[in-house]
């Protein structure tokens, strides 16, 4: 028969001696929670597969392409709006191309076709992210509280709600990447998704092209005015991006310096204890 240890050597047997789990011996502050790492942010769990890497690279490549094209948009919208439609799916480019179609510069069908393809050409990749990574990519795309609540209920939604969401994803203000990822996550078939996605893009392109075609020469005059000042507009965009990046970096450096200064002030007090 064994006897329970209740003497001074029985550490942890008494409630007052148990302390906080994870606290360092000899007192002191408990360890701070670990900072999130890159692995915590990634939408997949465990080691990345070849598909994971290819899909992530494609998504990053799309965002990089949009950023690279940003300064040249003022040139293309006046000189080659059809190319700009195809590359970016820009609604302004659709209206510009339709206005040029009104005065006989390009066929109207080409303006509508290029706009539809430009809006929908990469959407299937975002559908694939939902199918491949599930809730991980949905949480990454759901930046706001309302979007996160919607994503949490997505599995319980009527499939027709998501189908309508895919149709309406081209509307301004709709988080299209989140909607497409939800469609993939909840099991919408690729064929169904493509039909709905192209139909929505075609409807939006037709609406904008109709407005541009109706304005005709007036819209063309505005576009040519933009082209006249395209160089300055492009330079302003580049400078604005550089300034914004510099401000963010300065804030980040200032925040880091403040944290280091606060830690340096706390160190002597901890040593004294």
Protein backbone atom coordinates (compact mmCIF):
# COMPACT_ATOMS: atom_id res chain seq x y z
CA UNK A 1 0.00 0.00 0.00
CA UNK A 2 1.43 3.35 -1.04
CA UNK A 3 1.14 6.57 0.86
CA UNK A 4 0.29 9.84 -0.87
CA UNK A 5 3.07 12.42 -0.77
CA UNK A 6 1.97 15.56 1.02
CA UNK A 7 5.28 16.96 2.14
CA UNK A 8 7.26 19.87 0.74
CA UNK A 9 8.71 17.66 -1.97
CA UNK A 10 5.35 16.86 -3.51
CA UNK A 11 5.24 19.71 -6.08
CA UNK A 12 1.89 20.22 -7.78
CA UNK A 13 -0.12 18.15 -5.21
CA UNK A 14 -1.47 21.22 -3.45
CA UNK A 15 -3.62 23.75 -5.37
CA UNK A 16 -1.57 26.71 -4.28
CA UNK A 17 1.59 25.11 -5.65
CA UNK A 18 0.25 24.19 -9.08
CA UNK A 19 0.71 27.63 -10.63
CA UNK A 20 -0.14 28.60 -14.17
CA UNK A 21 0.48 26.02 -16.84
CA UNK A 22 3.41 27.01 -18.95
CA UNK A 23 4.73 29.58 -16.46
CA UNK A 24 8.52 29.53 -16.07
CA UNK A 25 9.92 28.12 -12.81
CA UNK A 26 10.94 30.67 -10.22
CA UNK A 27 8.10 33.07 -11.07
CA UNK A 28 8.07 35.70 -13.77
CA UNK A 29 5.60 36.45 -16.51
CA UNK A 30 3.93 33.57 -18.35
CA UNK A 31 5.08 33.04 -21.92
CA UNK A 32 3.36 35.19 -24.50
CA UNK A 33 1.12 33.45 -27.03
CA UNK A 34 2.94 32.46 -30.19
CA UNK A 35 2.71 34.91 -33.06
CA UNK A 36 0.89 33.58 -36.16
CA UNK A 37 3.27 32.26 -38.78
CA UNK A 38 2.94 32.00 -42.54
CA UNK A 39 1.81 28.39 -42.14
CA UNK A 40 -1.10 29.57 -39.98
CA UNK A 41 -2.26 31.93 -42.75
CA UNK A 42 -2.04 29.43 -45.60
CA UNK A 43 -5.41 27.92 -46.54
CA UNK A 44 -4.22 24.30 -46.57
CA UNK A 45 -3.13 22.06 -43.72
CA UNK A 46 0.14 20.19 -43.62
CA UNK A 47 2.68 20.04 -46.43
CA UNK A 48 1.77 21.79 -49.67
CA UNK A 49 1.14 19.58 -52.68
CA UNK A 50 2.06 20.44 -56.25
CA UNK A 51 -1.57 21.43 -56.87
CA UNK A 52 -1.52 23.75 -53.84
CA UNK A 53 1.60 25.50 -55.06
CA UNK A 54 0.37 25.82 -58.65
CA UNK A 55 -3.01 27.17 -57.55
CA UNK A 56 -1.51 29.68 -55.12
CA UNK A 57 0.99 30.81 -57.75
CA UNK A 58 -1.82 31.33 -60.26
CA UNK A 59 -3.87 33.44 -57.83
CA UNK A 60 -0.86 35.56 -56.91
CA UNK A 61 -0.05 35.91 -60.61
CA UNK A 62 -3.54 37.29 -61.30
CA UNK A 63 -3.18 39.96 -58.62
CA UNK A 64 0.32 40.81 -59.88
CA UNK A 65 -0.99 41.18 -63.44
CA UNK A 66 -3.74 43.56 -62.31
CA UNK A 67 -1.20 45.70 -60.45
CA UNK A 68 1.21 45.79 -63.42
CA UNK A 69 -1.59 46.83 -65.79
CA UNK A 70 -2.85 49.58 -63.50
CA UNK A 71 -0.55 52.36 -64.80
CA UNK A 72 -1.13 51.50 -68.50
CA UNK A 73 -4.93 51.44 -68.32
CA UNK A 74 -5.28 55.11 -69.32
CA UNK A 75 -3.35 54.39 -72.54
CA UNK A 76 -5.19 51.21 -73.46
CA UNK A 77 -8.67 52.54 -72.76
CA UNK A 78 -8.24 55.02 -75.60
CA UNK A 79 -5.85 53.23 -77.95
CA UNK A 80 -6.98 49.58 -77.61
CA UNK A 81 -10.03 49.19 -75.34
CA UNK A 82 -10.73 45.68 -76.66
CA UNK A 83 -7.33 44.49 -75.46
CA UNK A 84 -7.93 46.14 -72.09
CA UNK A 85 -11.32 44.41 -71.87
CA UNK A 86 -9.75 41.04 -72.47
CA UNK A 87 -6.86 41.56 -70.06
CA UNK A 88 -8.76 43.08 -67.13
CA UNK A 89 -12.49 42.78 -67.73
CA UNK A 90 -12.70 46.49 -66.95
CA UNK A 91 -16.23 47.87 -67.19
CA UNK A 92 -14.81 51.23 -68.25
CA UNK A 93 -13.03 49.48 -71.12
CA UNK A 94 -16.29 47.79 -72.13
CA UNK A 95 -18.06 51.14 -72.29
CA UNK A 96 -15.17 52.66 -74.22
CA UNK A 97 -15.10 49.82 -76.76
CA UNK A 98 -18.86 50.06 -77.26
CA UNK A 99 -18.58 53.82 -77.81
CA UNK A 100 -15.97 53.21 -80.51
CA UNK A 101 -18.29 50.58 -82.01
CA UNK A 102 -21.02 53.22 -82.28
CA UNK A 103 -18.84 55.36 -84.56
CA UNK A 104 -17.77 52.35 -86.62
CA UNK A 105 -14.24 51.85 -85.30
CA UNK A 106 -14.76 48.25 -84.10
CA UNK A 107 -17.60 45.66 -84.31
CA UNK A 108 -19.99 45.75 -81.35
CA UNK A 109 -19.97 41.96 -81.04
CA UNK A 110 -16.19 42.09 -80.49
CA UNK A 111 -16.60 44.58 -77.66
CA UNK A 112 -19.20 42.36 -75.97
CA UNK A 113 -17.20 39.16 -76.53
CA UNK A 114 -13.93 40.60 -75.21
CA UNK A 115 -15.67 42.07 -72.16
CA UNK A 116 -17.41 38.80 -71.29
CA UNK A 117 -14.21 36.76 -71.64
CA UNK A 118 -12.22 39.38 -69.73
CA UNK A 119 -14.61 39.35 -66.77
CA UNK A 120 -14.93 35.57 -66.51
CA UNK A 121 -11.61 34.14 -67.69
CA UNK A 122 -10.00 33.62 -64.25
CA UNK A 123 -13.09 32.97 -62.13
CA UNK A 124 -12.82 29.20 -62.36
CA UNK A 125 -9.52 29.39 -60.48
CA UNK A 126 -11.30 30.89 -57.47
CA UNK A 127 -13.94 28.14 -57.73
CA UNK A 128 -11.07 25.65 -57.66
CA UNK A 129 -9.61 27.23 -54.51
CA UNK A 130 -12.88 26.50 -52.72
CA UNK A 131 -12.92 22.92 -54.00
CA UNK A 132 -9.25 22.38 -53.12
CA UNK A 133 -8.93 24.18 -49.76
CA UNK A 134 -12.48 24.40 -48.48
CA UNK A 135 -13.08 26.51 -45.39
CA UNK A 136 -9.44 27.64 -45.27
CA UNK A 137 -9.65 29.80 -48.41
CA UNK A 138 -13.20 30.91 -47.58
CA UNK A 139 -12.00 32.32 -44.25
CA UNK A 140 -9.09 34.00 -46.04
CA UNK A 141 -11.39 35.73 -48.55
CA UNK A 142 -14.04 36.60 -45.93
CA UNK A 143 -12.38 39.76 -44.64
CA UNK A 144 -15.35 41.35 -42.87
CA UNK A 145 -17.52 40.12 -40.00
CA UNK A 146 -20.62 39.95 -42.20
CA UNK A 147 -18.74 37.93 -44.83
CA UNK A 148 -17.45 35.53 -42.16
CA UNK A 149 -20.97 34.99 -40.79
CA UNK A 150 -22.25 34.35 -44.30
CA UNK A 151 -19.39 31.88 -44.95
CA UNK A 152 -20.15 30.04 -41.70
CA UNK A 153 -23.74 29.40 -42.87
CA UNK A 154 -22.79 28.61 -46.48
CA UNK A 155 -23.11 24.84 -46.12
CA UNK A 156 -26.72 25.24 -44.93
CA UNK A 157 -27.82 27.61 -47.70
CA UNK A 158 -30.23 26.61 -50.44
CA UNK A 159 -28.10 25.86 -53.55
CA UNK A 160 -30.16 28.37 -55.53
CA UNK A 161 -28.95 31.19 -53.29
CA UNK A 162 -25.35 30.48 -54.23
CA UNK A 163 -26.30 30.14 -57.88
CA UNK A 164 -27.87 33.58 -57.77
CA UNK A 165 -24.76 34.78 -55.96
CA UNK A 166 -22.53 33.57 -58.79
CA UNK A 167 -24.77 35.34 -61.31
CA UNK A 168 -24.59 38.59 -59.32
CA UNK A 169 -20.90 38.38 -58.40
CA UNK A 170 -19.93 40.81 -61.19
CA UNK A 171 -21.95 43.60 -59.59
CA UNK A 172 -19.93 46.40 -57.92
CA UNK A 173 -19.40 45.83 -54.21
CA UNK A 174 -19.92 42.05 -54.30
CA UNK A 175 -16.88 40.05 -52.99
CA UNK A 176 -16.69 37.89 -56.11
CA UNK A 177 -13.64 35.86 -55.03
CA UNK A 178 -15.47 34.82 -51.85
CA UNK A 179 -18.63 33.89 -53.78
CA UNK A 180 -16.67 31.78 -56.27
CA UNK A 181 -14.73 30.03 -53.48
CA UNK A 182 -18.00 29.31 -51.66
CA UNK A 183 -19.39 27.78 -54.85
CA UNK A 184 -16.45 25.39 -55.05
CA UNK A 185 -16.49 24.60 -51.33
CA UNK A 186 -20.19 23.77 -51.22
CA UNK A 187 -19.90 21.34 -54.13
CA UNK A 188 -21.27 23.29 -57.09
CA UNK A 189 -20.28 21.47 -60.28
CA UNK A 190 -17.76 23.20 -62.52
CA UNK A 191 -20.09 23.12 -65.56
CA UNK A 192 -22.89 24.75 -63.54
CA UNK A 193 -20.50 27.35 -62.20
CA UNK A 194 -19.14 28.22 -65.66
CA UNK A 195 -22.62 28.59 -67.16
CA UNK A 196 -23.76 30.90 -64.36
CA UNK A 197 -20.49 32.84 -64.32
CA UNK A 198 -20.46 33.46 -68.07
CA UNK A 199 -24.15 34.37 -68.04
CA UNK A 200 -23.54 36.97 -65.32
CA UNK A 201 -20.51 38.38 -67.13
CA UNK A 202 -22.45 38.55 -70.42
CA UNK A 203 -25.36 40.37 -68.77
CA UNK A 204 -23.06 42.94 -67.16
CA UNK A 205 -21.07 43.42 -70.38
CA UNK A 206 -24.26 43.86 -72.38
CA UNK A 207 -25.57 46.47 -69.93
CA UNK A 208 -22.37 48.52 -69.91
CA UNK A 209 -21.86 48.14 -73.66
CA UNK A 210 -25.41 49.34 -74.24
CA UNK A 211 -24.72 52.49 -72.24
CA UNK A 212 -21.46 53.11 -74.10
CA UNK A 213 -23.05 52.45 -77.47
CA UNK A 214 -25.89 54.83 -76.68
CA UNK A 215 -23.51 57.64 -75.72
CA UNK A 216 -21.42 57.13 -78.85
CA UNK A 217 -19.32 60.14 -79.84
CA UNK A 218 -19.78 61.85 -76.47
CA UNK A 219 -18.19 58.87 -74.70
CA UNK A 220 -15.41 58.73 -77.30
CA UNK A 221 -14.62 62.41 -76.67
CA UNK A 222 -14.26 61.71 -72.95
CA UNK A 223 -12.00 58.72 -73.65
CA UNK A 224 -9.80 60.80 -75.97
CA UNK A 225 -9.57 63.45 -73.26
CA UNK A 226 -8.34 60.77 -70.86
CA UNK A 227 -5.81 59.69 -73.48
CA UNK A 228 -4.54 63.27 -73.73
CA UNK A 229 -3.59 63.24 -70.06
CA UNK A 230 -2.80 59.52 -69.86
CA UNK A 231 0.88 60.06 -69.08
CA UNK A 232 0.12 62.23 -66.06
CA UNK A 233 -2.58 59.87 -64.87
CA UNK A 234 -0.18 56.91 -65.09
CA UNK A 235 2.56 58.80 -63.26
CA UNK A 236 0.08 59.82 -60.56
CA UNK A 237 -0.94 56.19 -60.09
CA UNK A 238 2.68 55.02 -59.84
CA UNK A 239 3.61 57.79 -57.40
CA UNK A 240 0.47 57.13 -55.36
CA UNK A 241 1.30 53.44 -55.05
CA UNK A 242 4.89 54.23 -54.05
CA UNK A 243 3.79 56.76 -51.43
CA UNK A 244 1.19 54.38 -50.02
CA UNK A 245 3.78 51.61 -49.77
CA UNK A 246 6.23 53.99 -48.07
CA UNK A 247 3.62 55.15 -45.54
CA UNK A 248 2.71 51.58 -44.66
CA UNK A 249 6.36 50.63 -44.26
CA UNK A 250 7.01 53.67 -42.05
CA UNK A 251 4.05 52.82 -39.84
CA UNK A 252 5.20 49.24 -39.57
CA UNK A 253 8.73 50.33 -38.63
CA UNK A 254 7.41 52.84 -36.08
CA UNK A 255 5.17 50.22 -34.51
CA UNK A 256 8.06 47.76 -34.29
CA UNK A 257 10.33 50.40 -32.74
CA UNK A 258 7.67 51.25 -30.16
CA UNK A 259 7.29 47.60 -29.21
CA UNK A 260 11.06 47.21 -28.83
CA UNK A 261 11.25 50.36 -26.70
CA UNK A 262 8.45 49.12 -24.45
CA UNK A 263 10.16 45.75 -24.08
CA UNK A 264 13.45 47.47 -23.18
CA UNK A 265 11.73 49.48 -20.43
CA UNK A 266 10.09 46.40 -18.98
CA UNK A 267 13.30 44.37 -18.86
CA UNK A 268 14.91 46.12 -15.79
CA UNK A 269 11.66 45.84 -13.84
CA UNK A 270 11.50 42.12 -14.51
CA UNK A 271 15.09 41.63 -13.47
CA UNK A 272 14.42 43.51 -10.21
CA UNK A 273 11.56 41.15 -9.38
